[in-house]
Amino acid sequence: MTDTILEIKHLKKSFGKNEVLKDISLAVNKGEVISIIGSSGSGKSTLLRSINLLEEPTAGQILFHNQNVLEKGYNLNLFREKLGMVFQSFNLFENLNVLENATVAQTTVLKRDRSVAEKIAKKNLNQVGMTEQYWKAKPKQLSGGQKQRVAIARALSVDPEAMLFDEPTSALDPEMVGEVLKTMQDLAKSGLTMIIVTHEMEFAKDVSDRVIFMDQGVIAEEGTPQQIFENPKEERTKAFLKRFLK
């Protein structure tokens, strides 16, 4: 029996008269890696931001372990803690060093003892290849790829049940992309539940259990990487992949 962590039902999001998400339904199972692909403006990032409630959905339900998080009285902080989020732009605290960046949410939000928080942060920093030599460095001393790996370690340190990645490599120089994708590949192998908005098609093909193609605010097609990349059914999926996989 599959263990569904997250279920999105008939989710809609409008900005004024512009309907960006039009009736999205999606179930996410424990340990599943889902990649969301599609053109710019198709609603991918808005979907991720709506799932994490950085954007408030206009309609629909978000069920986390069968409870609707949009209902009045639901503890949203608890929900947000359980969904780690990694952005395009790192969002590190420039005035804190690497280790402090990975401990601050643990001590402030989870109220962990500092020594416990540091131990967890060090484990996760090591896991993403940011070893002891980097722990005292400030973000401005790091490359883009290193900053993104610190951001991933920080998100992991609050023990999320699932991680959301919003184009995590789009702000990186080409030579940095590989190191971040390798980190994410290792996380996928470790059994972490992941939802990834990405334009890295080879990566989506290699790591995903399921690929979702979005177009104009709807899920136009979804399936295994093999189905989507080798045998897409929808004309718009074919047209998109043709542009990307030249």
Protein backbone atom coordinates (compact mmCIF):
# COMPACT_ATOMS: atom_id res chain seq x y z
CA MET A 1 0.00 0.00 0.00
CA THR A 2 1.37 3.41 -0.93
CA ASP A 3 1.81 5.97 1.78
CA THR A 4 0.50 9.27 0.38
CA ILE A 5 2.14 12.20 2.17
CA LEU A 6 0.62 15.02 0.17
CA GLU A 7 -2.47 15.30 -1.97
CA ILE A 8 -3.36 18.35 -4.04
CA LYS A 9 -7.02 18.52 -5.08
CA HIS A 10 -8.42 20.94 -7.68
CA LEU A 11 -5.88 23.61 -6.82
CA LYS A 12 -6.31 26.98 -8.50
CA LYS A 13 -4.33 30.17 -8.23
CA SER A 14 -5.12 33.51 -9.83
CA PHE A 15 -3.27 36.80 -9.71
CA GLY A 16 -6.05 39.28 -10.42
CA LYS A 17 -7.71 38.09 -13.63
CA ASN A 18 -4.73 35.98 -14.61
CA GLU A 19 -5.45 32.33 -13.75
CA VAL A 20 -1.99 30.78 -13.40
CA LEU A 21 -3.06 27.38 -12.01
CA LYS A 22 -6.23 25.83 -13.41
CA ASP A 23 -7.50 22.85 -11.47
CA ILE A 24 -4.36 20.91 -10.50
CA SER A 25 -4.72 17.54 -8.78
CA LEU A 26 -1.71 15.50 -7.72
CA ALA A 27 -0.80 12.87 -5.10
CA VAL A 28 2.74 12.54 -3.75
CA ASN A 29 3.80 9.25 -2.17
CA LYS A 30 6.47 8.73 0.46
CA GLY A 31 9.92 8.28 -1.08
CA GLU A 32 8.78 9.40 -4.53
CA VAL A 33 10.84 11.75 -6.68
CA ILE A 34 8.65 13.88 -8.97
CA SER A 35 10.06 16.26 -11.56
CA ILE A 36 7.90 19.04 -12.95
CA ILE A 37 8.89 20.29 -16.40
CA GLY A 38 7.37 22.82 -18.79
CA SER A 39 7.96 26.18 -20.45
CA SER A 40 8.46 29.42 -18.53
CA GLY A 41 5.09 30.73 -17.46
CA SER A 42 3.43 27.30 -17.40
CA GLY A 43 2.77 27.58 -13.65
CA LYS A 44 5.49 25.24 -12.32
CA SER A 45 7.00 27.57 -9.72
CA THR A 46 3.58 28.91 -8.73
CA LEU A 47 2.46 25.34 -8.08
CA LEU A 48 5.45 24.72 -5.81
CA ARG A 49 4.97 28.03 -4.00
CA SER A 50 1.26 27.29 -3.56
CA ILE A 51 1.99 23.83 -2.14
CA ASN A 52 4.28 25.46 0.43
CA LEU A 53 1.73 28.27 0.96
CA LEU A 54 4.18 31.00 0.00
CA GLU A 55 1.31 31.82 -2.36
CA GLU A 56 -2.22 31.43 -1.07
CA PRO A 57 -4.26 29.17 -3.37
CA THR A 58 -7.43 30.72 -4.77
CA ALA A 59 -9.34 27.42 -4.54
CA GLY A 60 -8.81 23.73 -3.87
CA GLN A 61 -7.36 21.58 -1.10
CA ILE A 62 -3.89 20.62 0.07
CA LEU A 63 -4.04 17.46 2.16
CA PHE A 64 -1.03 16.61 4.31
CA HIS A 65 -1.48 13.14 5.80
CA ASN A 66 -5.19 13.46 4.93
CA GLN A 67 -5.68 16.79 6.72
CA ASN A 68 -6.56 19.89 4.73
CA VAL A 69 -3.91 22.46 5.62
CA LEU A 70 -6.05 25.28 4.19
CA GLU A 71 -8.76 24.77 6.80
CA LYS A 72 -9.07 27.36 9.53
CA GLY A 73 -7.12 26.47 12.64
CA TYR A 74 -4.56 24.18 10.96
CA ASN A 75 -1.02 24.76 12.28
CA LEU A 76 0.66 26.11 9.14
CA ASN A 77 4.06 26.45 10.78
CA LEU A 78 4.10 22.74 11.46
CA PHE A 79 3.22 22.05 7.81
CA ARG A 80 5.93 24.39 6.51
CA GLU A 81 8.52 22.75 8.77
CA LYS A 82 7.68 19.40 7.23
CA LEU A 83 8.24 20.68 3.69
CA GLY A 84 11.80 21.82 3.10
CA MET A 85 12.13 24.36 0.28
CA VAL A 86 15.17 25.14 -1.83
CA PHE A 87 14.93 28.23 -4.05
CA GLN A 88 16.74 29.44 -7.15
CA SER A 89 18.39 32.22 -5.20
CA PHE A 90 19.81 30.35 -2.16
CA ASN A 91 18.28 32.77 0.44
CA LEU A 92 21.19 32.34 2.86
CA PHE A 93 21.80 34.80 5.69
CA GLU A 94 24.82 36.80 4.49
CA ASN A 95 25.84 37.79 8.04
CA LEU A 96 25.97 34.17 9.29
CA ASN A 97 28.60 31.59 8.46
CA VAL A 98 27.83 28.25 6.81
CA LEU A 99 27.32 26.33 10.06
CA GLU A 100 25.14 29.08 11.55
CA ASN A 101 23.02 29.15 8.39
CA ALA A 102 22.33 25.44 8.82
CA THR A 103 21.52 25.72 12.55
CA VAL A 104 19.47 28.91 12.84
CA ALA A 105 16.07 27.43 11.86
CA GLN A 106 16.66 24.45 14.14
CA THR A 107 17.29 26.62 17.22
CA THR A 108 14.65 29.27 16.51
CA VAL A 109 11.81 27.26 14.95
CA LEU A 110 12.32 23.77 16.36
CA LYS A 111 13.79 25.11 19.65
CA ARG A 112 16.62 22.59 19.49
CA ASP A 113 19.54 22.89 21.84
CA ARG A 114 22.46 24.57 20.04
CA SER A 115 24.83 21.62 20.43
CA VAL A 116 22.22 19.20 19.03
CA ALA A 117 21.45 21.58 16.16
CA GLU A 118 25.14 21.90 15.28
CA LYS A 119 25.60 18.14 15.28
CA ILE A 120 22.68 17.72 12.85
CA ALA A 121 23.87 20.63 10.69
CA LYS A 122 27.39 19.19 10.46
CA LYS A 123 26.04 15.79 9.42
CA ASN A 124 23.93 17.35 6.65
CA LEU A 125 26.69 19.71 5.49
CA ASN A 126 29.05 16.75 5.23
CA GLN A 127 26.39 14.84 3.33
CA VAL A 128 26.21 17.56 0.64
CA GLY A 129 30.00 17.87 0.42
CA MET A 130 30.33 21.08 2.47
CA THR A 131 32.91 19.69 4.90
CA GLU A 132 34.53 21.29 7.93
CA GLN A 133 36.83 23.57 5.92
CA TYR A 134 33.75 25.58 4.83
CA TRP A 135 31.83 25.83 8.11
CA LYS A 136 33.24 29.21 9.17
CA ALA A 137 32.95 30.77 5.69
CA LYS A 138 30.37 33.47 5.00
CA PRO A 139 28.12 33.08 1.92
CA LYS A 140 30.01 35.78 0.01
CA GLN A 141 33.13 33.57 0.13
CA LEU A 142 31.33 30.67 -1.57
CA SER A 143 30.58 29.82 -5.19
CA GLY A 144 26.96 29.57 -6.33
CA GLY A 145 27.09 25.78 -6.26
CA GLN A 146 28.44 25.78 -2.72
CA LYS A 147 25.75 28.23 -1.58
CA GLN A 148 23.05 26.01 -3.04
CA ARG A 149 24.47 22.96 -1.28
CA VAL A 150 24.43 24.88 2.03
CA ALA A 151 20.79 25.79 1.32
CA ILE A 152 20.01 22.09 0.77
CA ALA A 153 21.78 21.12 4.02
CA ARG A 154 19.86 23.83 5.86
CA ALA A 155 16.54 22.53 4.55
CA LEU A 156 17.47 18.94 5.46
CA SER A 157 18.39 19.96 9.00
CA VAL A 158 14.80 20.56 10.08
CA ASP A 159 13.91 16.92 9.22
CA PRO A 160 11.40 17.59 6.44
CA GLU A 161 9.14 14.81 5.24
CA ALA A 162 9.45 16.12 1.71
CA MET A 163 11.67 18.61 -0.10
CA LEU A 164 10.54 21.09 -2.73
CA PHE A 165 13.16 22.35 -5.18
CA ASP A 166 12.32 25.36 -7.35
CA GLU A 167 14.74 25.41 -10.33
CA PRO A 168 17.66 24.85 -7.93
CA THR A 169 20.30 25.14 -10.68
CA SER A 170 18.92 28.01 -12.77
CA ALA A 171 21.04 30.72 -11.09
CA LEU A 172 24.26 28.69 -11.35
CA ASP A 173 27.14 28.80 -13.81
CA PRO A 174 27.19 25.68 -16.00
CA GLU A 175 30.19 24.17 -14.18
CA MET A 176 28.37 24.49 -10.83
CA VAL A 177 25.21 22.75 -12.02
CA GLY A 178 26.68 19.25 -11.92
CA GLU A 179 27.71 19.40 -8.25
CA VAL A 180 24.22 20.46 -7.14
CA LEU A 181 22.51 17.84 -9.32
CA LYS A 182 24.86 15.18 -7.93
CA THR A 183 23.86 16.20 -4.37
CA MET A 184 20.19 15.94 -5.31
CA GLN A 185 20.75 12.59 -6.99
CA ASP A 186 22.28 11.25 -3.77
CA LEU A 187 19.29 12.55 -1.79
CA ALA A 188 16.90 10.85 -4.22
CA LYS A 189 18.74 7.55 -3.69
CA SER A 190 18.48 7.99 0.08
CA GLY A 191 14.68 7.73 -0.15
CA LEU A 192 13.82 11.38 0.45
CA THR A 193 10.47 12.49 -0.99
CA MET A 194 11.24 15.22 -3.53
CA ILE A 195 9.27 17.51 -5.85
CA ILE A 196 11.60 19.24 -8.27
CA VAL A 197 10.82 22.00 -10.76
CA THR A 198 13.67 21.75 -13.24
CA HIS A 199 14.75 22.47 -16.79
CA GLU A 200 17.53 19.85 -16.56
CA MET A 201 15.92 17.17 -18.71
CA GLU A 202 18.65 14.54 -18.39
CA PHE A 203 18.50 14.87 -14.63
CA ALA A 204 14.69 14.57 -14.61
CA LYS A 205 15.03 11.48 -16.78
CA ASP A 206 17.62 9.86 -14.50
CA VAL A 207 16.30 10.52 -10.99
CA SER A 208 12.51 10.76 -11.25
CA ASP A 209 9.91 8.14 -10.47
CA ARG A 210 7.38 10.36 -12.19
CA VAL A 211 7.59 13.32 -14.55
CA ILE A 212 4.83 15.94 -14.81
CA PHE A 213 4.63 18.19 -17.85
CA MET A 214 2.80 21.44 -17.18
CA ASP A 215 1.47 23.74 -19.85
CA GLN A 216 -0.65 26.88 -19.45
CA GLY A 217 -1.53 26.18 -15.83
CA VAL A 218 -2.59 22.55 -16.17
CA ILE A 219 -0.92 19.17 -15.91
CA ALA A 220 -0.89 18.33 -19.60
CA GLU A 221 0.71 14.91 -19.18
CA GLU A 222 2.35 12.77 -16.51
CA GLY A 223 4.04 9.41 -16.44
CA THR A 224 7.32 7.60 -15.89
CA PRO A 225 10.43 9.26 -17.33
CA GLN A 226 10.40 6.62 -20.05
CA GLN A 227 6.81 7.40 -21.05
CA ILE A 228 7.28 11.16 -21.06
CA PHE A 229 10.68 11.39 -22.72
CA GLU A 230 10.47 8.46 -25.12
CA ASN A 231 6.80 8.12 -25.89
CA PRO A 232 4.85 11.29 -25.05
CA LYS A 233 1.19 11.17 -26.03
CA GLU A 234 0.28 14.86 -26.07
CA GLU A 235 1.27 17.07 -28.99
CA ARG A 236 2.27 19.90 -26.66
CA THR A 237 4.57 17.58 -24.69
CA LYS A 238 6.20 16.51 -27.95
CA ALA A 239 6.63 20.12 -29.06
CA PHE A 240 8.18 21.13 -25.73
CA LEU A 241 10.62 18.20 -25.65
CA LYS A 242 11.60 18.78 -29.26
CA ARG A 243 12.76 22.28 -28.31
CA PHE A 244 14.61 21.02 -25.26
CA LEU A 245 16.16 17.80 -26.48
CA LYS A 246 17.64 19.00 -29.74
